[in-house]
Protein backbone atom coordinates (compact mmCIF):
# COMPACT_ATOMS: atom_id res chain seq x y z
CA MET A 1 -30.63 14.27 -40.85
CA ARG A 2 -33.78 12.42 -42.12
CA ALA A 3 -36.13 11.56 -39.20
CA SER A 4 -35.68 7.41 -40.21
CA ALA A 5 -32.11 7.45 -39.63
CA LEU A 6 -32.55 9.41 -36.06
CA SER A 7 -35.49 7.13 -35.22
CA ALA A 8 -33.34 4.11 -36.15
CA SER A 9 -30.50 4.68 -33.76
CA PRO A 10 -30.60 2.28 -30.85
CA PHE A 11 -28.54 4.49 -28.67
CA LEU A 12 -31.18 7.18 -28.53
CA VAL A 13 -34.48 8.20 -27.74
CA TRP A 14 -36.03 11.04 -29.59
CA SER A 15 -38.58 13.64 -28.43
CA LEU A 16 -40.96 14.96 -30.93
CA ALA A 17 -38.74 17.98 -31.37
CA GLY A 18 -35.95 15.57 -32.70
CA PHE A 19 -33.80 16.40 -29.40
CA ALA A 20 -32.03 12.94 -27.73
CA VAL A 21 -33.51 12.68 -24.34
CA ARG A 22 -31.97 9.76 -23.31
CA SER A 23 -29.31 7.57 -23.98
CA ARG A 24 -29.17 3.52 -24.02
CA ALA A 25 -26.30 3.85 -21.52
CA GLN A 26 -27.88 5.77 -19.52
CA ALA A 27 -31.46 3.69 -19.47
CA ASN A 28 -29.07 0.85 -18.62
CA ALA A 29 -27.34 2.81 -15.75
CA ARG A 30 -30.77 3.44 -14.45
CA LYS A 31 -31.63 -0.19 -14.13
CA GLU A 32 -28.24 -1.01 -12.59
CA MET A 33 -28.61 1.69 -10.22
CA GLY A 34 -30.12 -0.66 -7.35
CA THR A 35 -27.51 -3.14 -7.99
CA PHE A 36 -24.77 -0.51 -7.39
CA LEU A 37 -26.49 1.44 -4.39
CA ASN A 38 -27.36 -2.42 -2.55
CA SER A 39 -23.43 -3.52 -3.18
CA PRO A 40 -21.92 -4.87 0.02
CA LEU A 41 -18.55 -2.58 -1.54
CA ARG A 42 -19.36 0.33 0.06
CA GLY A 43 -17.85 3.41 1.67
CA TYR A 44 -17.80 6.37 3.86
CA GLN A 45 -18.53 8.43 0.55
CA GLY A 46 -22.10 6.42 0.23
CA ALA A 47 -24.54 9.32 1.75
CA ASP A 48 -25.96 6.41 3.59
CA TRP A 49 -23.41 4.75 4.65
CA TYR A 50 -24.75 4.68 8.70
CA GLU A 51 -27.40 3.17 7.72
CA ARG A 52 -25.55 0.04 7.14
CA PHE A 53 -22.97 0.30 9.94
CA GLY A 54 -24.21 -0.89 13.61
CA SER A 55 -22.54 -2.04 16.52
CA VAL A 56 -22.25 -5.83 15.16
CA GLU A 57 -19.64 -3.75 12.51
CA ALA A 58 -18.02 -1.66 14.93
CA LEU A 59 -17.60 -4.19 17.27
CA GLN A 60 -16.04 -6.05 14.40
CA LEU A 61 -13.70 -3.51 13.53
CA LEU A 62 -13.08 -2.83 17.15
CA GLU A 63 -11.65 -6.62 17.60
CA GLU A 64 -9.50 -5.96 14.96
CA ILE A 65 -7.71 -3.13 15.76
CA SER A 66 -7.04 -4.15 19.18
CA SER A 67 -4.14 -6.08 17.96
CA SER A 68 -2.40 -2.73 17.06
CA ARG A 69 -0.19 -1.60 19.62
CA ALA A 70 -0.17 1.98 18.58
CA ALA A 71 -4.06 1.78 17.83
CA LYS A 72 -3.77 0.73 21.70
CA GLU A 73 -1.66 3.64 22.79
CA LEU A 74 -3.53 6.38 20.98
CA LEU A 75 -7.12 5.58 21.21
CA ASP A 76 -9.71 5.04 24.60
CA MET A 77 -9.92 1.34 23.39
CA ASP A 78 -12.51 1.00 26.35
CA LYS A 79 -14.01 3.83 26.10
CA MET A 80 -14.60 3.01 22.24
CA ARG A 81 -15.76 -0.62 23.64
CA SER A 82 -18.39 0.86 26.32
CA ALA A 83 -20.13 3.13 23.37
CA ILE A 84 -20.68 0.25 21.41
CA GLU A 85 -22.23 -1.58 24.35
CA ARG A 86 -24.68 1.07 24.43
CA TRP A 87 -25.50 1.23 20.55
CA PRO A 88 -29.54 2.80 20.48
CA SER A 89 -32.09 1.68 18.69
CA ALA A 90 -33.54 4.94 18.15
CA GLY A 91 -33.13 8.78 19.04
CA TRP A 92 -31.44 9.61 15.78
CA ALA A 93 -32.57 12.89 15.85
CA ASP A 94 -30.23 13.69 18.96
CA SER A 95 -27.26 15.85 18.06
CA ARG A 96 -25.18 14.13 20.37
CA GLN A 97 -25.91 10.84 19.32
CA ILE A 98 -25.27 11.82 15.92
CA MET A 99 -21.66 13.21 17.16
CA ILE A 100 -20.66 10.09 18.71
CA TYR A 101 -22.11 7.57 16.48
CA ARG A 102 -21.92 9.10 13.27
CA THR A 103 -19.01 11.11 13.38
CA ARG A 104 -16.67 10.19 16.85
CA LEU A 105 -16.78 6.71 16.87
CA PRO A 106 -16.32 5.74 13.34
CA ILE A 107 -13.42 8.17 12.71
CA ALA A 108 -11.68 6.59 15.99
CA LEU A 109 -12.42 3.21 14.05
CA VAL A 110 -10.95 4.19 11.19
CA THR A 111 -8.28 6.28 12.39
CA GLY A 112 -7.78 2.59 14.46
CA VAL A 113 -7.76 0.48 11.01
CA PHE A 114 -5.04 3.14 9.64
CA LEU A 115 -2.69 2.47 12.73
CA GLN A 116 -3.39 -1.44 12.15
CA GLU A 117 -2.24 -1.62 8.78
CA PHE A 118 0.69 1.13 8.94
CA GLU A 119 2.12 -1.07 11.71
CA ALA A 120 1.68 -4.10 9.71
CA LEU A 121 3.60 -2.27 6.83
CA SER A 122 6.67 -1.04 9.12
CA LEU A 123 7.00 -4.42 10.50
CA SER A 124 7.00 -6.16 7.08
CA SER A 125 9.21 -3.79 5.54
CA PRO A 126 13.12 -3.88 5.95
CA ALA A 127 14.95 -2.01 7.90
CA SER A 128 16.59 1.11 6.08
């Protein structure tokens, strides 16, 4: 390849040695990363999900699942509500606190959402 053809390419940035070091797509992806990271459509797979999940969101989920008969039978809603009401504002290095607020309570809430959705699906499906 001729050097002029390489340098004219809009998709590649070439180093002095002639190797492609970054494509335009990569450059655009880096610019858009901020938009992606700040998107409200995030989930558990996001490494910082717990930074955006607090007592307000937990209480909203608890209220949402409290209409589910299955969730009320299988989950200790009073204990969950009590934990949410005592939501800590500091001390996130404490292993017990991490276990309750970043592991057990979120899992219980997600289980409740699953039960509620499954229950609603079962009630709306015709009996076979």
